[in-house]
N, C-alpha and C. Protein backbone atom coordinates (compact mmCIF):
# COMPACT_ATOMS: atom_id res chain seq x y z
N MET A 1 191.35 -23.57 59.93
CA MET A 1 190.93 -22.85 61.12
C MET A 1 191.69 -21.53 61.27
N LYS A 2 193.03 -21.56 60.97
CA LYS A 2 193.84 -20.36 61.11
C LYS A 2 193.44 -19.29 60.09
N SER A 3 193.11 -19.70 58.88
CA SER A 3 192.73 -18.72 57.86
C SER A 3 191.44 -18.00 58.24
N ARG A 4 190.54 -18.68 58.93
CA ARG A 4 189.30 -18.03 59.38
C ARG A 4 189.60 -16.95 60.42
N ARG A 5 190.56 -17.21 61.31
CA ARG A 5 190.93 -16.21 62.33
C ARG A 5 191.57 -14.99 61.67
N ARG A 6 192.39 -15.21 60.66
CA ARG A 6 193.03 -14.11 59.96
C ARG A 6 192.00 -13.27 59.21
N ASP A 7 190.94 -13.87 58.80
CA ASP A 7 189.90 -13.16 58.04
C ASP A 7 188.96 -12.35 58.93
N LEU A 8 188.93 -12.63 60.23
CA LEU A 8 187.99 -11.94 61.13
C LEU A 8 188.22 -10.42 61.17
N PRO A 9 189.46 -9.92 61.32
CA PRO A 9 189.62 -8.47 61.31
C PRO A 9 189.17 -7.82 60.01
N ILE A 10 189.44 -8.49 58.91
CA ILE A 10 189.02 -7.95 57.61
C ILE A 10 187.49 -7.93 57.52
N LEU A 11 186.86 -9.00 57.97
CA LEU A 11 185.41 -9.07 57.95
C LEU A 11 184.81 -8.01 58.87
N GLY A 12 185.42 -7.82 60.07
CA GLY A 12 184.93 -6.79 61.00
C GLY A 12 185.05 -5.39 60.41
N ALA A 13 186.19 -5.09 59.77
CA ALA A 13 186.38 -3.78 59.15
C ALA A 13 185.38 -3.57 58.02
N LEU A 14 185.11 -4.60 57.27
CA LEU A 14 184.14 -4.52 56.18
C LEU A 14 182.74 -4.23 56.71
N ILE A 15 182.36 -4.89 57.79
CA ILE A 15 181.03 -4.67 58.38
C ILE A 15 180.90 -3.24 58.91
N VAL A 16 181.96 -2.77 59.62
CA VAL A 16 181.93 -1.39 60.14
C VAL A 16 181.86 -0.39 58.99
N GLY A 17 182.63 -0.61 57.95
CA GLY A 17 182.61 0.30 56.80
C GLY A 17 181.25 0.37 56.14
N ILE A 18 180.64 -0.78 55.94
CA ILE A 18 179.29 -0.80 55.34
C ILE A 18 178.30 -0.11 56.26
N GLY A 19 178.44 -0.33 57.57
CA GLY A 19 177.54 0.33 58.53
C GLY A 19 177.66 1.84 58.48
N MET A 20 178.89 2.35 58.33
CA MET A 20 179.09 3.79 58.27
C MET A 20 178.50 4.40 57.00
N ILE A 21 178.49 3.64 55.94
CA ILE A 21 177.91 4.12 54.69
C ILE A 21 176.39 4.08 54.75
N VAL A 22 175.83 3.03 55.34
CA VAL A 22 174.38 2.83 55.35
C VAL A 22 173.69 3.63 56.45
N ALA A 23 174.35 3.85 57.59
CA ALA A 23 173.71 4.48 58.76
C ALA A 23 173.04 5.82 58.46
N PRO A 24 173.68 6.76 57.75
CA PRO A 24 173.00 8.03 57.49
C PRO A 24 171.68 7.88 56.76
N PHE A 25 171.59 6.91 55.88
CA PHE A 25 170.34 6.70 55.14
C PHE A 25 169.30 6.03 56.03
N VAL A 26 169.73 5.05 56.81
CA VAL A 26 168.80 4.33 57.68
C VAL A 26 168.22 5.26 58.74
N PHE A 27 169.05 6.12 59.32
CA PHE A 27 168.59 7.00 60.39
C PHE A 27 168.17 8.37 59.88
N GLN A 28 168.02 8.53 58.58
CA GLN A 28 167.55 9.76 57.93
C GLN A 28 168.35 10.98 58.36
N MET A 29 169.65 10.84 58.41
CA MET A 29 170.50 11.93 58.87
C MET A 29 170.56 13.10 57.88
N PHE A 30 170.20 12.87 56.64
CA PHE A 30 170.23 13.94 55.65
C PHE A 30 168.92 14.71 55.61
N GLU A 31 167.91 14.23 56.32
CA GLU A 31 166.59 14.84 56.24
C GLU A 31 166.16 15.51 57.53
N ARG A 32 167.01 15.51 58.55
CA ARG A 32 166.62 16.13 59.81
C ARG A 32 167.85 16.75 60.46
N ALA A 33 167.61 17.76 61.29
CA ALA A 33 168.69 18.42 62.01
C ALA A 33 168.94 17.69 63.32
N PRO A 34 170.14 17.77 63.86
CA PRO A 34 170.42 17.12 65.14
C PRO A 34 169.56 17.68 66.26
N LEU A 35 169.19 16.84 67.19
CA LEU A 35 168.44 17.22 68.40
C LEU A 35 167.15 17.99 68.08
N GLY A 36 166.53 17.69 66.97
CA GLY A 36 165.24 18.32 66.64
C GLY A 36 165.35 19.75 66.18
N GLY A 37 166.54 20.22 65.84
CA GLY A 37 166.71 21.59 65.37
C GLY A 37 166.15 21.76 63.97
N ASP A 38 166.20 22.99 63.47
CA ASP A 38 165.71 23.28 62.13
C ASP A 38 166.83 23.10 61.12
N MET A 39 166.50 22.53 60.00
CA MET A 39 167.47 22.38 58.92
C MET A 39 167.70 23.74 58.27
N ILE A 40 168.91 23.99 57.84
CA ILE A 40 169.22 25.21 57.10
C ILE A 40 168.82 24.97 55.66
N VAL A 41 167.85 25.74 55.21
CA VAL A 41 167.37 25.59 53.85
C VAL A 41 168.06 26.60 52.94
N ASP A 42 168.10 27.84 53.39
CA ASP A 42 168.76 28.90 52.63
C ASP A 42 169.93 29.42 53.43
N PHE A 43 171.01 29.71 52.75
CA PHE A 43 172.18 30.24 53.42
C PHE A 43 172.58 31.55 52.77
N GLU A 44 172.73 32.58 53.59
CA GLU A 44 173.20 33.86 53.09
C GLU A 44 174.47 34.20 53.83
N PRO A 45 175.50 34.62 53.14
CA PRO A 45 176.74 35.00 53.82
C PRO A 45 176.48 36.15 54.78
N TYR A 46 177.20 36.14 55.89
CA TYR A 46 177.04 37.18 56.91
C TYR A 46 177.60 38.51 56.42
N MET A 47 178.68 38.45 55.65
CA MET A 47 179.33 39.66 55.18
C MET A 47 179.49 39.59 53.66
N THR A 48 179.50 40.76 53.04
CA THR A 48 179.75 40.81 51.60
C THR A 48 181.25 40.72 51.35
N VAL A 49 181.63 40.51 50.10
CA VAL A 49 183.05 40.44 49.76
C VAL A 49 183.73 41.76 50.11
N GLU A 50 183.08 42.88 49.85
CA GLU A 50 183.67 44.18 50.16
C GLU A 50 183.91 44.33 51.66
N GLN A 51 182.94 43.88 52.47
CA GLN A 51 183.11 43.97 53.93
C GLN A 51 184.25 43.09 54.41
N VAL A 52 184.37 41.91 53.83
CA VAL A 52 185.45 41.00 54.23
C VAL A 52 186.80 41.61 53.88
N GLU A 53 186.90 42.23 52.71
CA GLU A 53 188.16 42.83 52.29
C GLU A 53 188.55 44.01 53.17
N GLN A 54 187.57 44.72 53.72
CA GLN A 54 187.86 45.87 54.57
C GLN A 54 187.99 45.49 56.04
N PHE A 55 187.48 44.34 56.42
CA PHE A 55 187.45 43.94 57.83
C PHE A 55 188.82 43.48 58.29
N ARG A 56 189.29 44.04 59.37
CA ARG A 56 190.53 43.63 60.00
C ARG A 56 190.27 43.55 61.49
N GLY A 57 190.48 42.41 62.08
CA GLY A 57 190.27 42.28 63.51
C GLY A 57 189.51 41.02 63.84
N TYR A 58 188.70 41.10 64.87
CA TYR A 58 187.96 39.93 65.36
C TYR A 58 186.49 40.28 65.49
N LEU A 59 185.63 39.32 65.21
CA LEU A 59 184.19 39.48 65.38
C LEU A 59 183.73 38.34 66.28
N VAL A 60 183.16 38.70 67.43
CA VAL A 60 182.72 37.71 68.40
C VAL A 60 181.22 37.88 68.59
N GLU A 61 180.47 36.79 68.46
CA GLU A 61 179.04 36.83 68.70
C GLU A 61 178.70 35.79 69.76
N ILE A 62 177.91 36.22 70.74
CA ILE A 62 177.47 35.32 71.80
C ILE A 62 175.95 35.35 71.83
N ALA A 63 175.34 34.19 71.60
CA ALA A 63 173.88 34.09 71.66
C ALA A 63 173.48 33.84 73.10
N GLY A 64 172.67 34.67 73.63
CA GLY A 64 172.25 34.52 75.02
C GLY A 64 171.22 35.58 75.37
N ASP A 65 171.17 35.95 76.62
CA ASP A 65 170.25 36.98 77.07
C ASP A 65 171.02 37.97 77.92
N PRO A 66 171.47 39.05 77.34
CA PRO A 66 171.25 39.57 75.98
C PRO A 66 172.22 38.94 74.99
N ASN A 67 171.89 39.07 73.70
CA ASN A 67 172.82 38.66 72.65
C ASN A 67 173.93 39.71 72.56
N LEU A 68 175.14 39.26 72.33
CA LEU A 68 176.27 40.18 72.26
C LEU A 68 176.97 40.05 70.92
N ARG A 69 177.41 41.16 70.38
CA ARG A 69 178.24 41.17 69.18
C ARG A 69 179.35 42.18 69.42
N LEU A 70 180.58 41.72 69.32
CA LEU A 70 181.74 42.56 69.57
C LEU A 70 182.63 42.54 68.34
N LYS A 71 182.95 43.71 67.82
CA LYS A 71 183.91 43.82 66.73
C LYS A 71 185.14 44.51 67.31
N LEU A 72 186.26 43.80 67.26
CA LEU A 72 187.50 44.32 67.81
C LEU A 72 188.47 44.56 66.66
N ASP A 73 188.75 45.82 66.40
CA ASP A 73 189.72 46.18 65.38
C ASP A 73 191.02 46.54 66.08
N ILE A 74 192.11 46.08 65.52
CA ILE A 74 193.42 46.42 66.07
C ILE A 74 194.11 47.31 65.05
N TRP A 75 194.33 48.55 65.46
CA TRP A 75 194.87 49.55 64.54
C TRP A 75 196.33 49.79 64.83
N PRO A 76 197.14 49.94 63.79
CA PRO A 76 198.54 50.29 64.01
C PRO A 76 198.66 51.74 64.45
N THR A 77 199.78 52.06 65.09
CA THR A 77 200.02 53.44 65.53
C THR A 77 200.37 54.30 64.31
N ASP A 78 200.39 55.62 64.51
CA ASP A 78 200.77 56.52 63.42
C ASP A 78 202.20 56.25 62.97
N ASP A 79 203.10 55.94 63.94
CA ASP A 79 204.48 55.62 63.57
C ASP A 79 204.53 54.38 62.69
N ASP A 80 203.72 53.38 63.03
CA ASP A 80 203.68 52.17 62.21
C ASP A 80 203.26 52.49 60.79
N MET A 81 202.24 53.30 60.65
CA MET A 81 201.72 53.62 59.33
C MET A 81 202.69 54.48 58.53
N ALA A 82 203.45 55.35 59.22
CA ALA A 82 204.40 56.22 58.53
C ALA A 82 205.58 55.42 57.97
N ASN A 83 205.93 54.36 58.65
CA ASN A 83 207.08 53.54 58.25
C ASN A 83 206.63 52.12 57.96
N LEU A 84 205.62 51.95 57.13
CA LEU A 84 205.03 50.64 56.92
C LEU A 84 205.95 49.79 56.03
N THR A 85 206.84 49.08 56.70
CA THR A 85 207.74 48.16 56.02
C THR A 85 207.36 46.75 56.47
N ILE A 86 208.02 45.76 55.91
CA ILE A 86 207.78 44.38 56.33
C ILE A 86 208.12 44.23 57.81
N ALA A 87 209.21 44.86 58.25
CA ALA A 87 209.61 44.78 59.66
C ALA A 87 208.55 45.43 60.57
N ALA A 88 207.99 46.56 60.12
CA ALA A 88 206.96 47.24 60.93
C ALA A 88 205.70 46.37 61.00
N MET A 89 205.31 45.76 59.89
CA MET A 89 204.13 44.89 59.91
C MET A 89 204.37 43.69 60.82
N HIS A 90 205.58 43.15 60.79
CA HIS A 90 205.93 42.03 61.67
C HIS A 90 205.84 42.48 63.13
N SER A 91 206.30 43.67 63.42
CA SER A 91 206.27 44.22 64.78
C SER A 91 204.83 44.37 65.28
N ILE A 92 203.93 44.84 64.41
CA ILE A 92 202.53 44.99 64.79
C ILE A 92 201.94 43.64 65.17
N GLY A 93 202.20 42.63 64.36
CA GLY A 93 201.70 41.28 64.64
C GLY A 93 202.27 40.72 65.93
N MET A 94 203.55 40.95 66.17
CA MET A 94 204.18 40.45 67.39
C MET A 94 203.58 41.12 68.63
N ARG A 95 203.29 42.41 68.56
CA ARG A 95 202.70 43.10 69.71
C ARG A 95 201.30 42.58 69.99
N MET A 96 200.50 42.35 68.92
CA MET A 96 199.14 41.85 69.13
C MET A 96 199.17 40.46 69.75
N THR A 97 200.13 39.63 69.32
CA THR A 97 200.24 38.28 69.85
C THR A 97 200.69 38.31 71.30
N ALA A 98 201.53 39.26 71.66
CA ALA A 98 202.10 39.32 73.01
C ALA A 98 201.17 39.95 74.04
N VAL A 99 200.15 40.69 73.61
CA VAL A 99 199.31 41.43 74.55
C VAL A 99 198.75 40.55 75.67
N PRO A 100 198.08 39.42 75.41
CA PRO A 100 197.54 38.63 76.51
C PRO A 100 198.62 38.08 77.44
N VAL A 101 199.76 37.69 76.88
CA VAL A 101 200.84 37.15 77.70
C VAL A 101 201.40 38.23 78.62
N VAL A 102 201.64 39.40 78.08
CA VAL A 102 202.19 40.49 78.89
C VAL A 102 201.20 40.88 79.98
N ASN A 103 199.91 40.94 79.66
CA ASN A 103 198.91 41.31 80.66
C ASN A 103 198.74 40.25 81.73
N ALA A 104 199.18 39.02 81.49
CA ALA A 104 199.05 37.94 82.47
C ALA A 104 200.22 37.88 83.44
N ILE A 105 201.29 38.62 83.19
CA ILE A 105 202.50 38.50 84.02
C ILE A 105 202.20 38.72 85.50
N ARG A 106 201.49 39.79 85.83
CA ARG A 106 201.22 40.09 87.25
C ARG A 106 200.43 38.96 87.91
N ALA A 107 199.38 38.48 87.25
CA ALA A 107 198.55 37.42 87.83
C ALA A 107 199.34 36.13 88.01
N VAL A 108 200.21 35.82 87.07
CA VAL A 108 201.01 34.60 87.18
C VAL A 108 202.02 34.73 88.31
N CYS A 109 202.64 35.89 88.43
CA CYS A 109 203.61 36.09 89.52
C CYS A 109 202.95 36.06 90.89
N GLU A 110 201.72 36.52 90.99
CA GLU A 110 201.02 36.55 92.28
C GLU A 110 200.33 35.23 92.60
N ALA A 111 200.28 34.30 91.65
CA ALA A 111 199.61 33.01 91.87
C ALA A 111 200.42 32.14 92.82
N ALA A 112 199.74 31.19 93.45
CA ALA A 112 200.42 30.24 94.34
C ALA A 112 201.40 29.40 93.52
N PRO A 113 202.47 28.89 94.18
CA PRO A 113 203.42 28.05 93.46
C PRO A 113 202.73 26.83 92.86
N GLY A 114 203.25 26.36 91.75
CA GLY A 114 202.70 25.18 91.09
C GLY A 114 202.15 25.53 89.73
N ILE A 115 201.43 24.61 89.16
CA ILE A 115 200.84 24.81 87.83
C ILE A 115 199.53 25.55 87.98
N ALA A 116 199.38 26.63 87.23
CA ALA A 116 198.15 27.43 87.26
C ALA A 116 197.52 27.40 85.87
N THR A 117 196.20 27.34 85.84
CA THR A 117 195.47 27.41 84.58
C THR A 117 194.65 28.69 84.58
N TYR A 118 193.95 28.93 83.49
CA TYR A 118 193.11 30.12 83.41
C TYR A 118 192.07 30.15 84.53
N THR A 119 191.59 29.00 84.95
CA THR A 119 190.57 28.97 86.00
C THR A 119 191.15 29.33 87.36
N ASP A 120 192.46 29.24 87.52
CA ASP A 120 193.11 29.58 88.79
C ASP A 120 193.46 31.06 88.87
N LEU A 121 193.45 31.75 87.76
CA LEU A 121 193.88 33.15 87.70
C LEU A 121 192.68 34.07 87.54
N PRO A 122 192.84 35.33 87.95
CA PRO A 122 191.76 36.30 87.66
C PRO A 122 191.69 36.53 86.16
N PRO A 123 190.61 37.11 85.66
CA PRO A 123 190.52 37.37 84.22
C PRO A 123 191.71 38.19 83.72
N ILE A 124 192.27 37.79 82.61
CA ILE A 124 193.41 38.50 82.02
C ILE A 124 192.83 39.53 81.06
N THR A 125 192.90 40.79 81.44
CA THR A 125 192.33 41.85 80.62
C THR A 125 193.38 42.91 80.35
N SER A 126 193.08 43.78 79.44
CA SER A 126 193.99 44.86 79.09
C SER A 126 193.98 45.92 80.18
N HIS A 127 195.13 46.49 80.39
CA HIS A 127 195.24 47.60 81.35
C HIS A 127 195.36 48.88 80.54
N ILE A 128 194.25 49.59 80.42
CA ILE A 128 194.21 50.77 79.57
C ILE A 128 194.83 51.95 80.33
N VAL A 129 195.80 52.55 79.71
CA VAL A 129 196.43 53.74 80.28
C VAL A 129 196.14 54.89 79.34
N PRO A 130 195.29 55.82 79.80
CA PRO A 130 194.94 56.94 78.89
C PRO A 130 196.15 57.83 78.59
N THR A 131 196.20 58.27 77.36
CA THR A 131 197.24 59.23 76.99
C THR A 131 196.71 60.63 77.13
N ALA A 132 197.58 61.58 77.27
CA ALA A 132 197.18 62.97 77.50
C ALA A 132 196.36 63.48 76.43
């Protein structure tokens, strides 16, 4: 009787494993797209190798009404490019990483005491200061 109880977890795992292997075939998961969507038959890369090698920054696409596509390039300053060392490249990366945090300081300081999330704060955006 005890050996049968010890075998139950093994038998259960075996049944679940077989079910996971068989389910895609039984439910035709390889022949249809989820939720009635269209299957991807042909795939073409969005960018060529040359474009990928030249692209630096972020590409954001939002499908909606209207559809939006935003390409955000982050360019180093002239000083950075004149003295392009490992330390200068590290500095560029650190500034890009710090931008959202630095721009959030005012909103966080003005928030009510306690834990605040993004939904509790106004949108954190860049404060553009034009140069002469």
